[in-house]
Amino acid sequence: MDDLTRSAHANSFGPAARSYERGRPGYPAEALDWLLPPGRPRVLDLGAGTGKLTRALAGRGLPVTAVEPSQGMIEELRRVLPAVHAHQGTAENIPLPDDAVDVVLVAQAWHWVDVDRAVPEIARVLAPGGRLGVLWNVRDESAAAWVHRLGIIIDSADQSRDPAMGPPFGPVRTAEFRWTDRVSPEALLDLVASRSRVILLPADERAALLAQVRQLTATHPALVGHTGFDLPYVTECARADLP
């Protein structure tokens, strides 16, 4: 994906903010346990979207700030999490002072950033010894035939999930966590509708693709007649610390 295409995809989410909020999964507690240092660190959720990760951090009683580039997404975040400090900004231009936080987490968004520009900016807002963590929820299409079929319908080309960070951060450590999210047919439809590739489709093609998802939930033997089903995920995590 070239820079222009990546930018178009990265900036496409605003109109689908409600679908994103209804359909996207949260993140497993075990992944956050691994990503976060002990104690009560100040956390920046960078590229926060509608606050899927933000609410889990706030639920732990941590002081959390959210930064998100999309106006539509941050408005939705403020609606669902009115007590959280939320700012419009990017990984390359973070609207926080130096040494403002102890941890920066980037969930489902590291592949959208310009790493060469984002890394020094993230290091700037981190206190000495601070941590950068990135994570992605990835559907486990090997776990169930219907999940594999869903991937075919939405043409889920494997996006780069390169966790490279580089100086001034130290070595990158990685971990994976398997879990399942309970979803309804409607939430599955919102999950698909909130993907950047689907958002950017012409209206008729988007409608046709969503019709295939409806047909899947209405006819697949593992799904038909059920009001909810388990969608398997692998949460891929990486972290690195400042000296």
Protein backbone atom coordinates (compact mmCIF):
# COMPACT_ATOMS: atom_id res chain seq x y z
CA MET A 1 0.00 0.00 0.00
CA ASP A 2 1.54 3.33 -1.05
CA ASP A 3 1.55 6.43 1.19
CA LEU A 4 -1.41 8.08 -0.57
CA THR A 5 -3.56 4.95 -0.33
CA ARG A 6 -2.56 4.38 3.28
CA SER A 7 -3.52 7.96 4.13
CA ALA A 8 -6.93 7.57 2.45
CA HIS A 9 -7.62 4.40 4.42
CA ALA A 10 -6.35 5.86 7.69
CA ASN A 11 -8.59 8.91 7.36
CA SER A 12 -11.71 7.02 6.26
CA PHE A 13 -13.12 5.98 9.63
CA GLY A 14 -15.00 9.11 10.70
CA PRO A 15 -18.24 8.47 8.78
CA ALA A 16 -18.35 4.92 10.19
CA ALA A 17 -17.70 5.89 13.82
CA ARG A 18 -21.00 4.48 15.12
CA SER A 19 -20.46 1.19 13.27
CA TYR A 20 -16.92 1.07 14.65
CA GLU A 21 -18.19 1.59 18.18
CA ARG A 22 -20.92 -1.06 17.87
CA GLY A 23 -18.92 -3.69 16.00
CA ARG A 24 -15.24 -3.54 16.93
CA PRO A 25 -14.03 -5.76 19.77
CA GLY A 26 -12.24 -4.66 22.90
CA TYR A 27 -8.93 -6.14 24.04
CA PRO A 28 -8.20 -9.03 26.43
CA ALA A 29 -7.10 -8.20 29.95
CA GLU A 30 -4.08 -10.51 29.61
CA ALA A 31 -2.73 -8.40 26.76
CA LEU A 32 -2.98 -5.23 28.84
CA ASP A 33 -1.36 -6.97 31.81
CA TRP A 34 1.60 -7.74 29.55
CA LEU A 35 1.80 -4.32 27.91
CA LEU A 36 1.48 -2.15 31.02
CA PRO A 37 4.20 -1.71 33.66
CA PRO A 38 3.33 -2.19 37.33
CA GLY A 39 1.77 0.56 39.35
CA ARG A 40 -0.47 3.34 38.13
CA PRO A 41 1.19 4.69 34.98
CA ARG A 42 -0.13 7.66 33.03
CA VAL A 43 -1.26 6.23 29.69
CA LEU A 44 -1.78 7.78 26.27
CA ASP A 45 -4.11 5.84 23.97
CA LEU A 46 -2.77 7.05 20.63
CA GLY A 47 -5.03 6.56 17.61
CA ALA A 48 -7.77 5.85 20.10
CA GLY A 49 -10.66 5.52 17.64
CA THR A 50 -13.93 5.45 19.54
CA GLY A 51 -12.17 4.41 22.76
CA LYS A 52 -12.22 0.62 22.63
CA LEU A 53 -8.88 0.45 24.45
CA THR A 54 -9.42 3.71 26.34
CA ARG A 55 -12.34 2.33 28.34
CA ALA A 56 -10.35 -0.72 29.42
CA LEU A 57 -7.54 1.52 30.66
CA ALA A 58 -9.96 3.85 32.44
CA GLY A 59 -11.68 0.80 33.92
CA ARG A 60 -8.40 -0.09 35.62
CA GLY A 61 -8.40 3.28 37.32
CA LEU A 62 -5.45 4.53 35.27
CA PRO A 63 -5.06 8.19 34.30
CA VAL A 64 -5.61 7.96 30.56
CA THR A 65 -5.56 10.48 27.73
CA ALA A 66 -6.87 9.73 24.25
CA VAL A 67 -5.54 11.21 20.99
CA GLU A 68 -7.27 10.48 17.68
CA PRO A 69 -6.93 12.14 14.25
CA SER A 70 -10.51 11.64 13.02
CA GLN A 71 -13.06 14.22 14.11
CA GLY A 72 -15.93 11.75 13.71
CA MET A 73 -14.19 9.11 15.79
CA ILE A 74 -13.18 11.45 18.60
CA GLU A 75 -16.71 12.84 18.81
CA GLU A 76 -17.96 9.28 19.31
CA LEU A 77 -15.25 8.68 21.92
CA ARG A 78 -16.30 11.79 23.81
CA ARG A 79 -19.92 10.65 23.66
CA VAL A 80 -19.23 7.22 25.17
CA LEU A 81 -16.39 8.31 27.51
CA PRO A 82 -17.18 11.89 28.54
CA ALA A 83 -14.83 11.81 31.56
CA VAL A 84 -11.72 11.01 29.50
CA HIS A 85 -9.42 13.78 28.28
CA ALA A 86 -9.54 13.45 24.48
CA HIS A 87 -7.65 15.50 21.90
CA GLN A 88 -7.56 15.54 18.12
CA GLY A 89 -4.05 14.82 16.90
CA THR A 90 -1.78 12.32 15.21
CA ALA A 91 1.14 10.09 16.13
CA GLU A 92 3.40 12.46 14.22
CA ASN A 93 2.07 15.56 16.04
CA ILE A 94 0.87 14.71 19.54
CA PRO A 95 -0.85 17.61 21.34
CA LEU A 96 0.80 16.91 24.71
CA PRO A 97 3.82 18.43 26.47
CA ASP A 98 7.16 16.70 27.00
CA ASP A 99 7.29 13.90 29.61
CA ALA A 100 3.48 13.90 29.85
CA VAL A 101 2.88 10.14 30.12
CA ASP A 102 4.57 6.92 31.19
CA VAL A 103 3.10 4.63 28.53
CA VAL A 104 1.90 5.14 24.95
CA LEU A 105 -0.32 2.40 23.54
CA VAL A 106 -1.31 2.22 19.87
CA ALA A 107 -4.13 -0.23 19.24
CA GLN A 108 -5.09 -1.27 15.72
CA ALA A 109 -3.31 1.76 14.27
CA TRP A 110 0.49 1.37 14.15
CA HIS A 111 0.33 0.37 10.48
CA TRP A 112 -1.23 3.76 9.68
CA VAL A 113 1.57 5.92 11.12
CA ASP A 114 4.78 7.26 9.64
CA VAL A 115 7.11 5.40 12.00
CA ASP A 116 10.16 7.57 11.27
CA ARG A 117 8.25 10.67 12.37
CA ALA A 118 6.09 9.08 15.06
CA VAL A 119 8.83 7.39 17.10
CA PRO A 120 10.70 10.59 18.13
CA GLU A 121 7.38 12.33 18.81
CA ILE A 122 6.23 9.48 21.04
CA ALA A 123 9.59 9.50 22.82
CA ARG A 124 9.14 13.23 23.43
CA VAL A 125 5.85 12.84 25.32
CA LEU A 126 7.13 9.85 27.34
CA ALA A 127 8.85 10.26 30.67
CA PRO A 128 12.35 8.73 30.96
CA GLY A 129 12.10 4.96 31.06
CA GLY A 130 8.65 5.13 29.43
CA ARG A 131 7.13 2.43 27.27
CA LEU A 132 5.63 2.18 23.79
CA GLY A 133 3.23 -0.70 23.17
CA VAL A 134 1.38 -1.63 20.00
CA LEU A 135 -1.36 -4.22 19.56
CA TRP A 136 -3.68 -5.64 16.94
CA ASN A 137 -6.76 -7.84 17.12
CA VAL A 138 -6.50 -10.36 14.28
CA ARG A 139 -9.33 -12.75 13.45
CA ASP A 140 -8.21 -16.37 13.77
CA GLU A 141 -9.49 -17.67 10.44
CA SER A 142 -8.01 -21.12 11.14
CA ALA A 143 -10.28 -21.64 14.14
CA ALA A 144 -13.65 -22.00 12.36
CA ALA A 145 -14.85 -22.48 8.81
CA TRP A 146 -17.31 -19.59 9.00
CA VAL A 147 -14.54 -17.20 10.07
CA HIS A 148 -12.47 -18.31 7.08
CA ARG A 149 -15.48 -17.72 4.85
CA LEU A 150 -15.94 -14.24 6.34
CA GLY A 151 -12.34 -13.43 5.45
CA ILE A 152 -12.96 -14.47 1.85
CA ILE A 153 -16.09 -12.29 1.64
CA ILE A 154 -14.35 -9.16 2.89
CA ASP A 155 -11.09 -9.91 1.06
CA SER A 156 -9.05 -9.63 4.24
CA ALA A 157 -5.62 -9.12 2.72
CA ASP A 158 -3.05 -9.42 5.47
CA GLN A 159 -1.98 -5.88 6.38
CA SER A 160 1.53 -5.25 7.58
CA ARG A 161 1.75 -5.55 11.35
CA ASP A 162 5.43 -4.77 11.61
CA PRO A 163 6.08 -3.77 15.24
CA ALA A 164 9.44 -2.15 14.46
CA MET A 165 10.07 0.94 16.60
CA GLY A 166 13.79 1.67 16.55
CA PRO A 167 15.91 4.20 18.49
CA PRO A 168 15.62 5.65 21.02
CA PHE A 169 13.59 2.64 22.14
CA GLY A 170 15.29 -0.54 23.23
CA PRO A 171 14.66 -4.08 21.94
CA VAL A 172 11.10 -5.01 20.95
CA ARG A 173 9.44 -7.87 22.81
CA THR A 174 6.35 -9.61 21.39
CA ALA A 175 3.52 -11.78 22.69
CA GLU A 176 0.21 -13.21 21.46
CA PHE A 177 -3.05 -13.79 23.32
CA ARG A 178 -5.91 -15.95 22.03
CA TRP A 179 -9.47 -15.16 23.03
CA THR A 180 -13.02 -14.98 21.69
CA ASP A 181 -15.49 -12.14 21.38
CA ARG A 182 -19.20 -12.84 21.62
CA VAL A 183 -20.93 -11.08 18.73
CA SER A 184 -24.45 -10.80 17.36
CA PRO A 185 -25.27 -10.88 13.63
CA GLU A 186 -25.79 -7.11 13.78
CA ALA A 187 -22.42 -6.55 15.48
CA LEU A 188 -20.70 -8.70 12.88
CA LEU A 189 -22.23 -6.54 10.17
CA ASP A 190 -20.96 -3.40 11.94
CA LEU A 191 -17.52 -4.98 12.31
CA VAL A 192 -17.31 -5.43 8.54
CA ALA A 193 -18.88 -2.04 7.77
CA SER A 194 -16.24 -0.29 9.90
CA ARG A 195 -13.27 -1.61 7.91
CA SER A 196 -11.47 1.06 5.88
CA ARG A 197 -11.59 -0.96 2.66
CA VAL A 198 -15.34 -1.41 2.98
CA ILE A 199 -15.93 2.24 3.90
CA LEU A 200 -14.14 3.35 0.74
CA LEU A 201 -16.05 1.06 -1.63
CA PRO A 202 -18.64 2.57 -4.01
CA ALA A 203 -22.07 2.45 -2.39
CA ASP A 204 -23.39 -0.39 -4.57
CA GLU A 205 -20.32 -2.57 -3.98
CA ARG A 206 -20.45 -1.92 -0.23
CA ALA A 207 -24.14 -2.88 -0.13
CA ALA A 208 -23.44 -6.08 -2.07
CA LEU A 209 -20.61 -7.06 0.27
CA LEU A 210 -22.71 -6.44 3.39
CA ALA A 211 -25.49 -8.52 1.82
CA GLN A 212 -23.03 -11.43 1.60
CA VAL A 213 -22.29 -11.06 5.32
CA ARG A 214 -26.02 -11.14 6.09
CA GLN A 215 -26.36 -14.26 3.96
CA LEU A 216 -23.47 -15.90 5.82
CA THR A 217 -25.09 -15.39 9.23
CA ALA A 218 -28.48 -16.50 7.89
CA THR A 219 -27.32 -19.70 6.16
CA HIS A 220 -24.04 -21.04 7.58
CA PRO A 221 -24.72 -24.15 9.70
CA ALA A 222 -22.60 -22.84 12.58
CA LEU A 223 -24.48 -19.52 12.68
CA VAL A 224 -28.03 -19.97 11.42
CA GLY A 225 -30.65 -19.51 14.11
CA HIS A 226 -28.18 -18.15 16.67
CA THR A 227 -28.49 -14.69 18.21
CA GLY A 228 -24.79 -14.69 19.12
CA PHE A 229 -21.61 -16.59 18.34
CA ASP A 230 -17.96 -16.62 19.34
CA LEU A 231 -15.53 -14.86 17.02
CA PRO A 232 -11.96 -16.07 17.70
CA TYR A 233 -9.10 -13.57 17.81
CA VAL A 234 -5.37 -13.48 18.31
CA THR A 235 -4.20 -10.23 19.90
CA GLU A 236 -0.65 -9.55 18.71
CA CYS A 237 1.34 -7.29 21.03
CA ALA A 238 4.75 -5.66 21.00
CA ARG A 239 6.47 -3.36 23.48
CA ALA A 240 9.75 -1.50 23.91
CA ASP A 241 11.09 0.82 26.61
CA LEU A 242 13.11 4.00 26.59
CA PRO A 243 16.48 3.82 28.34
